[in-house]
Amino acid sequence: VQTCALPISTAPTLFTNASAAEFKKWSAEFAGDRGALLPRLYAPRTLEYPHPVINPKVKDENNYYLSAVRAAGDRSISCPTLGLAYELTQAGHPVYTYSFRITPNRSVNAAPSSMRALGAFHGAEVPFVFGDPSELVKPAEREVASTMGCYWTNFAWNSNPNDATGRASLHSQKLCARLPSWEDTTQTRSQSMVFNITNEHAHVDMEPTDRLTHLRCNFR
């Protein structure tokens, strides 16, 4: 899942083998008096997996460094994005959100050996949107890329990822016609189109924003 830590000047330092006590101390430095809530909101067992492999010696149930990364990433990117989506819907604008959860097998940005550590890094979805054959090396990756190409083309021409009329119809309509409907986010329904690969199979479908995400974003 795409995440981004806050700048070093904003977020306290935490090492990849951090303990629960060190994460608790980090939380207090990061969020002040309200930091006491972070160990509960970002307990390792609550984090979404798979995830970037930062330190292979640390087991998932003890990965407090990842807890800190997720907390900082939510505060700097994920939660402001959801907040902006809500504000835009209040103003009457249609909003289509997505969650890209794929760790690429190849990227011009990094060596193949480092991909597991990077996970679904910032910008990892760009080769999928444009169908870059040099980076899409697995059939499932190419399948996801084809669906993303349809949605992005439709949106670029018609401001709606589901509308394949006009110039957007020049794209592969045989494929685009089979895609699930990308529902917009409303004030009463927060949801995203998820692009993922599980067991070498493409997964593209709508998912609602879960309750824990709402709790984390209401914290900020």
C-alpha atoms as a PDB file:
ATOM      1  CA  VAL A   1       0.000   0.000   0.000  1.00  0.00           C
ATOM      2  CA  GLN A   2       1.378   3.403  -0.886  1.00  0.00           C
ATOM      3  CA  THR A   3       2.751   5.164   2.181  1.00  0.00           C
ATOM      4  CA  CYS A   4       5.144   8.033   2.800  1.00  0.00           C
ATOM      5  CA  ALA A   5       6.836   9.071   6.010  1.00  0.00           C
ATOM      6  CA  LEU A   6       6.929  12.705   7.075  1.00  0.00           C
ATOM      7  CA  PRO A   7      10.168  14.669   6.534  1.00  0.00           C
ATOM      8  CA  ILE A   8      12.904  13.971   9.065  1.00  0.00           C
ATOM      9  CA  SER A   9      12.491  17.483  10.467  1.00  0.00           C
ATOM     10  CA  THR A  10       8.837  16.686  11.342  1.00  0.00           C
ATOM     11  CA  ALA A  11       8.836  13.019  12.370  1.00  0.00           C
ATOM     12  CA  PRO A  12      11.104  11.743  15.172  1.00  0.00           C
ATOM     13  CA  THR A  13      13.737   9.118  14.411  1.00  0.00           C
ATOM     14  CA  LEU A  14      12.855   5.451  14.869  1.00  0.00           C
ATOM     15  CA  PHE A  15      14.963   2.420  13.957  1.00  0.00           C
ATOM     16  CA  THR A  16      13.682  -0.542  11.946  1.00  0.00           C
ATOM     17  CA  ASN A  17      13.974  -2.931  14.910  1.00  0.00           C
ATOM     18  CA  ALA A  18      12.023  -0.640  17.239  1.00  0.00           C
ATOM     19  CA  SER A  19      10.254  -2.143  20.241  1.00  0.00           C
ATOM     20  CA  ALA A  20       6.730  -1.421  21.470  1.00  0.00           C
ATOM     21  CA  ALA A  21       8.165   0.881  24.150  1.00  0.00           C
ATOM     22  CA  GLU A  22      10.210   2.794  21.571  1.00  0.00           C
ATOM     23  CA  PHE A  23       7.157   3.198  19.333  1.00  0.00           C
ATOM     24  CA  LYS A  24       5.194   4.512  22.330  1.00  0.00           C
ATOM     25  CA  LYS A  25       7.917   7.086  22.977  1.00  0.00           C
ATOM     26  CA  TRP A  26       8.011   7.976  19.271  1.00  0.00           C
ATOM     27  CA  SER A  27       4.224   8.442  19.288  1.00  0.00           C
ATOM     28  CA  ALA A  28       4.431  10.932  22.156  1.00  0.00           C
ATOM     29  CA  GLU A  29       7.124  12.923  20.346  1.00  0.00           C
ATOM     30  CA  PHE A  30       5.198  12.774  17.069  1.00  0.00           C
ATOM     31  CA  ALA A  31       1.717  13.670  18.325  1.00  0.00           C
ATOM     32  CA  GLY A  32       2.149  15.133  21.798  1.00  0.00           C
ATOM     33  CA  ASP A  33      -0.516  14.340  24.395  1.00  0.00           C
ATOM     34  CA  ARG A  34      -2.656  12.589  21.797  1.00  0.00           C
ATOM     35  CA  GLY A  35       0.199  10.239  20.921  1.00  0.00           C
ATOM     36  CA  ALA A  36      -1.089   7.774  23.498  1.00  0.00           C
ATOM     37  CA  LEU A  37      -3.744   6.741  20.969  1.00  0.00           C
ATOM     38  CA  LEU A  38      -1.271   5.738  18.248  1.00  0.00           C
ATOM     39  CA  PRO A  39      -0.094   2.390  19.711  1.00  0.00           C
ATOM     40  CA  ARG A  40      -3.738   1.243  19.640  1.00  0.00           C
ATOM     41  CA  LEU A  41      -4.608   2.710  16.235  1.00  0.00           C
ATOM     42  CA  TYR A  42      -1.407   1.419  14.620  1.00  0.00           C
ATOM     43  CA  ALA A  43      -0.685  -1.810  16.455  1.00  0.00           C
ATOM     44  CA  PRO A  44       1.262  -4.102  14.079  1.00  0.00           C
ATOM     45  CA  ARG A  45      -1.595  -6.653  14.003  1.00  0.00           C
ATOM     46  CA  THR A  46      -3.922  -3.950  12.605  1.00  0.00           C
ATOM     47  CA  LEU A  47      -1.699  -3.011   9.664  1.00  0.00           C
ATOM     48  CA  GLU A  48      -2.556  -4.013   6.133  1.00  0.00           C
ATOM     49  CA  TYR A  49      -0.427  -6.775   4.670  1.00  0.00           C
ATOM     50  CA  PRO A  50       1.523  -7.484   2.503  1.00  0.00           C
ATOM     51  CA  HIS A  51       3.795  -4.524   3.144  1.00  0.00           C
ATOM     52  CA  PRO A  52       7.289  -3.321   2.281  1.00  0.00           C
ATOM     53  CA  VAL A  53       9.962  -5.565   3.814  1.00  0.00           C
ATOM     54  CA  ILE A  54      12.045  -3.047   5.735  1.00  0.00           C
ATOM     55  CA  ASN A  55      13.915  -5.397   8.065  1.00  0.00           C
ATOM     56  CA  PRO A  56      13.575  -9.140   7.278  1.00  0.00           C
ATOM     57  CA  LYS A  57      14.660 -10.013  10.824  1.00  0.00           C
ATOM     58  CA  VAL A  58      11.565  -8.369  12.335  1.00  0.00           C
ATOM     59  CA  LYS A  59       8.349 -10.402  12.442  1.00  0.00           C
ATOM     60  CA  ASP A  60       5.096  -8.786  11.349  1.00  0.00           C
ATOM     61  CA  GLU A  61       3.600  -8.871  14.845  1.00  0.00           C
ATOM     62  CA  ASN A  62       6.583  -6.850  16.138  1.00  0.00           C
ATOM     63  CA  ASN A  63       6.988  -4.410  13.255  1.00  0.00           C
ATOM     64  CA  TYR A  64       6.634  -1.139  15.169  1.00  0.00           C
ATOM     65  CA  TYR A  65       8.765   0.715  12.653  1.00  0.00           C
ATOM     66  CA  LEU A  66       6.094   0.041  10.051  1.00  0.00           C
ATOM     67  CA  SER A  67       3.500   1.276  12.550  1.00  0.00           C
ATOM     68  CA  ALA A  68       5.344   4.596  12.675  1.00  0.00           C
ATOM     69  CA  VAL A  69       5.683   4.757   8.882  1.00  0.00           C
ATOM     70  CA  ARG A  70       1.953   4.179   8.476  1.00  0.00           C
ATOM     71  CA  ALA A  71       1.070   6.766  11.112  1.00  0.00           C
ATOM     72  CA  ALA A  72       3.301   9.386   9.489  1.00  0.00           C
ATOM     73  CA  GLY A  73       2.110   8.458   6.009  1.00  0.00           C
ATOM     74  CA  ASP A  74      -1.545   8.741   6.989  1.00  0.00           C
ATOM     75  CA  ARG A  75      -0.971  12.136   8.551  1.00  0.00           C
ATOM     76  CA  SER A  76       0.953  13.509   5.576  1.00  0.00           C
ATOM     77  CA  ILE A  77      -0.823  11.904   2.598  1.00  0.00           C
ATOM     78  CA  SER A  78      -3.639   9.393   3.101  1.00  0.00           C
ATOM     79  CA  CYS A  79      -5.841  11.295   5.537  1.00  0.00           C
ATOM     80  CA  PRO A  80      -5.481  14.716   3.859  1.00  0.00           C
ATOM     81  CA  THR A  81      -6.422  12.996   0.583  1.00  0.00           C
ATOM     82  CA  LEU A  82      -9.590  11.544   2.110  1.00  0.00           C
ATOM     83  CA  GLY A  83     -10.332  14.928   3.656  1.00  0.00           C
ATOM     84  CA  LEU A  84      -9.949  16.667   0.307  1.00  0.00           C
ATOM     85  CA  ALA A  85     -12.243  14.105  -1.314  1.00  0.00           C
ATOM     86  CA  TYR A  86     -14.894  14.847   1.291  1.00  0.00           C
ATOM     87  CA  GLU A  87     -14.571  18.608   0.808  1.00  0.00           C
ATOM     88  CA  LEU A  88     -14.896  18.253  -2.958  1.00  0.00           C
ATOM     89  CA  THR A  89     -18.033  16.142  -2.633  1.00  0.00           C
ATOM     90  CA  GLN A  90     -19.506  18.803  -0.346  1.00  0.00           C
ATOM     91  CA  ALA A  91     -18.876  21.325  -3.115  1.00  0.00           C
ATOM     92  CA  GLY A  92     -20.786  19.111  -5.556  1.00  0.00           C
ATOM     93  CA  HIS A  93     -17.854  17.654  -7.491  1.00  0.00           C
ATOM     94  CA  PRO A  94     -17.687  13.954  -8.464  1.00  0.00           C
ATOM     95  CA  VAL A  95     -14.676  12.302  -6.837  1.00  0.00           C
ATOM     96  CA  TYR A  96     -13.097   8.989  -7.848  1.00  0.00           C
ATOM     97  CA  THR A  97     -10.448   7.617  -5.501  1.00  0.00           C
ATOM     98  CA  TYR A  98      -8.192   4.596  -5.878  1.00  0.00           C
ATOM     99  CA  SER A  99      -5.771   2.471  -3.875  1.00  0.00           C
ATOM    100  CA  PHE A 100      -2.792   0.964  -5.689  1.00  0.00           C
ATOM    101  CA  ARG A 101      -1.398  -1.971  -3.695  1.00  0.00           C
ATOM    102  CA  ILE A 102       1.003  -3.693  -6.086  1.00  0.00           C
ATOM    103  CA  THR A 103       4.707  -4.191  -5.507  1.00  0.00           C
ATOM    104  CA  PRO A 104       6.130  -4.121  -9.053  1.00  0.00           C
ATOM    105  CA  ASN A 105       8.469  -6.873 -10.194  1.00  0.00           C
ATOM    106  CA  ARG A 106      10.609  -4.403 -12.128  1.00  0.00           C
ATOM    107  CA  SER A 107      11.133  -0.646 -12.100  1.00  0.00           C
ATOM    108  CA  VAL A 108      13.523   1.800 -13.739  1.00  0.00           C
ATOM    109  CA  ASN A 109      13.664   3.514 -10.348  1.00  0.00           C
ATOM    110  CA  ALA A 110      15.304   0.682  -8.415  1.00  0.00           C
ATOM    111  CA  ALA A 111      17.124  -2.632  -8.667  1.00  0.00           C
ATOM    112  CA  PRO A 112      14.947  -5.775  -8.680  1.00  0.00           C
ATOM    113  CA  SER A 113      16.564  -6.904  -5.422  1.00  0.00           C
ATOM    114  CA  SER A 114      15.169  -3.852  -3.611  1.00  0.00           C
ATOM    115  CA  MET A 115      11.565  -4.064  -4.817  1.00  0.00           C
ATOM    116  CA  ARG A 116      10.292  -6.014  -1.792  1.00  0.00           C
ATOM    117  CA  ALA A 117      11.660  -3.334   0.491  1.00  0.00           C
ATOM    118  CA  LEU A 118       9.984  -0.575  -1.519  1.00  0.00           C
ATOM    119  CA  GLY A 119       6.547  -2.153  -1.841  1.00  0.00           C
ATOM    120  CA  ALA A 120       3.931  -0.065  -3.665  1.00  0.00           C
ATOM    121  CA  PHE A 121       6.131   3.015  -3.598  1.00  0.00           C
ATOM    122  CA  HIS A 122       5.124   6.542  -4.604  1.00  0.00           C
ATOM    123  CA  GLY A 123       4.704   6.587  -8.389  1.00  0.00           C
ATOM    124  CA  ALA A 124       4.701   2.787  -8.764  1.00  0.00           C
ATOM    125  CA  GLU A 125       1.379   2.967 -10.603  1.00  0.00           C
ATOM    126  CA  VAL A 126       2.638   5.229 -13.414  1.00  0.00           C
ATOM    127  CA  PRO A 127       3.999   2.404 -15.671  1.00  0.00           C
ATOM    128  CA  PHE A 128       0.659   0.622 -15.208  1.00  0.00           C
ATOM    129  CA  VAL A 129      -1.325   3.660 -16.312  1.00  0.00           C
ATOM    130  CA  PHE A 130       0.756   4.055 -19.483  1.00  0.00           C
ATOM    131  CA  GLY A 131       1.299   0.340 -20.132  1.00  0.00           C
ATOM    132  CA  ASP A 132       5.101   0.432 -20.116  1.00  0.00           C
ATOM    133  CA  PRO A 133       6.169  -2.998 -21.477  1.00  0.00           C
ATOM    134  CA  SER A 134       9.686  -2.690 -20.075  1.00  0.00           C
ATOM    135  CA  GLU A 135       8.347  -2.686 -16.507  1.00  0.00           C
ATOM    136  CA  LEU A 136       5.254  -4.874 -16.757  1.00  0.00           C
ATOM    137  CA  VAL A 137       6.861  -8.310 -16.801  1.00  0.00           C
ATOM    138  CA  LYS A 138       4.076 -10.509 -15.369  1.00  0.00           C
ATOM    139  CA  PRO A 139       0.717 -11.363 -17.052  1.00  0.00           C
ATOM    140  CA  ALA A 140      -1.203 -10.129 -14.011  1.00  0.00           C
ATOM    141  CA  GLU A 141       0.660  -6.809 -14.127  1.00  0.00           C
ATOM    142  CA  ARG A 142      -0.246  -6.369 -17.788  1.00  0.00           C
ATOM    143  CA  GLU A 143      -3.869  -7.214 -17.040  1.00  0.00           C
ATOM    144  CA  VAL A 144      -4.059  -4.571 -14.309  1.00  0.00           C
ATOM    145  CA  ALA A 145      -2.319  -2.101 -16.616  1.00  0.00           C
ATOM    146  CA  SER A 146      -4.936  -2.678 -19.321  1.00  0.00           C
ATOM    147  CA  THR A 147      -7.773  -1.912 -16.931  1.00  0.00           C
ATOM    148  CA  MET A 148      -6.045   1.182 -15.589  1.00  0.00           C
ATOM    149  CA  GLY A 149      -5.438   2.373 -19.147  1.00  0.00           C
ATOM    150  CA  CYS A 150      -9.183   2.155 -19.813  1.00  0.00           C
ATOM    151  CA  TYR A 151     -10.170   4.064 -16.715  1.00  0.00           C
ATOM    152  CA  TRP A 152      -7.554   6.784 -17.128  1.00  0.00           C
ATOM    153  CA  THR A 153      -8.359   7.262 -20.825  1.00  0.00           C
ATOM    154  CA  ASN A 154     -12.065   7.557 -20.103  1.00  0.00           C
ATOM    155  CA  PHE A 155     -11.444  10.037 -17.312  1.00  0.00           C
ATOM    156  CA  ALA A 156      -9.018  12.119 -19.369  1.00  0.00           C
ATOM    157  CA  TRP A 157     -11.560  12.588 -22.163  1.00  0.00           C
ATOM    158  CA  ASN A 158     -14.848  12.568 -20.286  1.00  0.00           C
ATOM    159  CA  SER A 159     -14.086  13.346 -16.604  1.00  0.00           C
ATOM    160  CA  ASN A 160     -15.595   9.966 -15.742  1.00  0.00           C
ATOM    161  CA  PRO A 161     -13.611   6.696 -15.629  1.00  0.00           C
ATOM    162  CA  ASN A 162     -16.713   4.768 -16.713  1.00  0.00           C
ATOM    163  CA  ASP A 163     -17.568   6.885 -19.780  1.00  0.00           C
ATOM    164  CA  ALA A 164     -15.959   5.415 -22.919  1.00  0.00           C
ATOM    165  CA  THR A 165     -17.722   7.652 -25.428  1.00  0.00           C
ATOM    166  CA  GLY A 166     -16.164  10.148 -27.833  1.00  0.00           C
ATOM    167  CA  ARG A 167     -12.414  10.066 -28.284  1.00  0.00           C
ATOM    168  CA  ALA A 168     -12.123   7.602 -25.405  1.00  0.00           C
ATOM    169  CA  SER A 169     -13.865   5.033 -27.619  1.00  0.00           C
ATOM    170  CA  LEU A 170     -10.645   4.732 -29.645  1.00  0.00           C
ATOM    171  CA  HIS A 171      -9.230   2.710 -26.752  1.00  0.00           C
ATOM    172  CA  SER A 172      -9.869  -1.041 -26.498  1.00  0.00           C
ATOM    173  CA  GLN A 173     -13.603  -1.145 -25.899  1.00  0.00           C
ATOM    174  CA  LYS A 174     -13.682  -4.935 -25.871  1.00  0.00           C
ATOM    175  CA  LEU A 175     -11.729  -4.826 -22.630  1.00  0.00           C
ATOM    176  CA  CYS A 176     -13.150  -1.609 -21.215  1.00  0.00           C
ATOM    177  CA  ALA A 177     -16.736  -2.827 -21.505  1.00  0.00           C
ATOM    178  CA  ARG A 178     -16.001  -5.651 -19.036  1.00  0.00           C
ATOM    179  CA  LEU A 179     -14.618  -3.480 -16.252  1.00  0.00           C
ATOM    180  CA  PRO A 180     -16.385  -3.043 -12.898  1.00  0.00           C
ATOM    181  CA  SER A 181     -18.077   0.295 -12.456  1.00  0.00           C
ATOM    182  CA  TRP A 182     -15.864   2.817 -10.676  1.00  0.00           C
ATOM    183  CA  GLU A 183     -18.276   4.346  -8.175  1.00  0.00           C
ATOM    184  CA  ASP A 184     -17.683   7.872  -6.948  1.00  0.00           C
ATOM    185  CA  THR A 185     -17.108   8.806  -3.328  1.00  0.00           C
ATOM    186  CA  THR A 186     -19.936  10.720  -1.673  1.00  0.00           C
ATOM    187  CA  GLN A 187     -20.479  12.379   1.697  1.00  0.00           C
ATOM    188  CA  THR A 188     -22.191   9.237   2.964  1.00  0.00           C
ATOM    189  CA  ARG A 189     -20.184   6.614   1.078  1.00  0.00           C
ATOM    190  CA  SER A 190     -16.380   6.602   1.152  1.00  0.00           C
ATOM    191  CA  GLN A 191     -14.921   4.001  -1.198  1.00  0.00           C
ATOM    192  CA  SER A 192     -12.031   3.427  -3.584  1.00  0.00           C
ATOM    193  CA  MET A 193     -11.181   1.354  -6.621  1.00  0.00           C
ATOM    194  CA  VAL A 194      -8.498  -1.120  -5.560  1.00  0.00           C
ATOM    195  CA  PHE A 195      -5.765  -2.264  -7.936  1.00  0.00           C
ATOM    196  CA  ASN A 196      -3.967  -5.306  -6.580  1.00  0.00           C
ATOM    197  CA  ILE A 197      -2.436  -8.670  -7.477  1.00  0.00           C
ATOM    198  CA  THR A 198      -3.076 -11.715  -5.283  1.00  0.00           C
ATOM    199  CA  ASN A 199      -1.619 -15.139  -6.024  1.00  0.00           C
ATOM    200  CA  GLU A 200      -0.551 -13.957  -9.501  1.00  0.00           C
ATOM    201  CA  HIS A 201      -4.126 -12.899 -10.336  1.00  0.00           C
ATOM    202  CA  ALA A 202      -5.265  -9.350 -11.030  1.00  0.00           C
ATOM    203  CA  HIS A 203      -7.704  -7.879  -8.538  1.00  0.00           C
ATOM    204  CA  VAL A 204      -9.630  -4.762  -9.573  1.00  0.00           C
ATOM    205  CA  ASP A 205     -12.742  -3.886  -7.609  1.00  0.00           C
ATOM    206  CA  MET A 206     -14.400  -1.342  -5.337  1.00  0.00           C
ATOM    207  CA  GLU A 207     -13.808  -1.463  -1.595  1.00  0.00           C
ATOM    208  CA  PRO A 208     -15.338   0.738   1.117  1.00  0.00           C
ATOM    209  CA  THR A 209     -13.089   2.762   3.390  1.00  0.00           C
ATOM    210  CA  ASP A 210     -12.805   0.674   6.544  1.00  0.00           C
ATOM    211  CA  ARG A 211     -13.742   1.860  10.013  1.00  0.00           C
ATOM    212  CA  LEU A 212     -10.153   1.810  11.292  1.00  0.00           C
ATOM    213  CA  THR A 213      -9.066   4.190   8.527  1.00  0.00           C
ATOM    214  CA  HIS A 214     -11.814   6.613   9.561  1.00  0.00           C
ATOM    215  CA  LEU A 215     -10.664   6.415  13.188  1.00  0.00           C
ATOM    216  CA  ARG A 216      -7.065   7.060  12.203  1.00  0.00           C
ATOM    217  CA  CYS A 217      -7.978  10.037  10.043  1.00  0.00           C
ATOM    218  CA  ASN A 218     -10.279  11.525  12.671  1.00  0.00           C
ATOM    219  CA  PHE A 219      -7.264  11.432  14.993  1.00  0.00           C
ATOM    220  CA  ARG A 220      -5.152  13.912  13.020  1.00  0.00           C
END
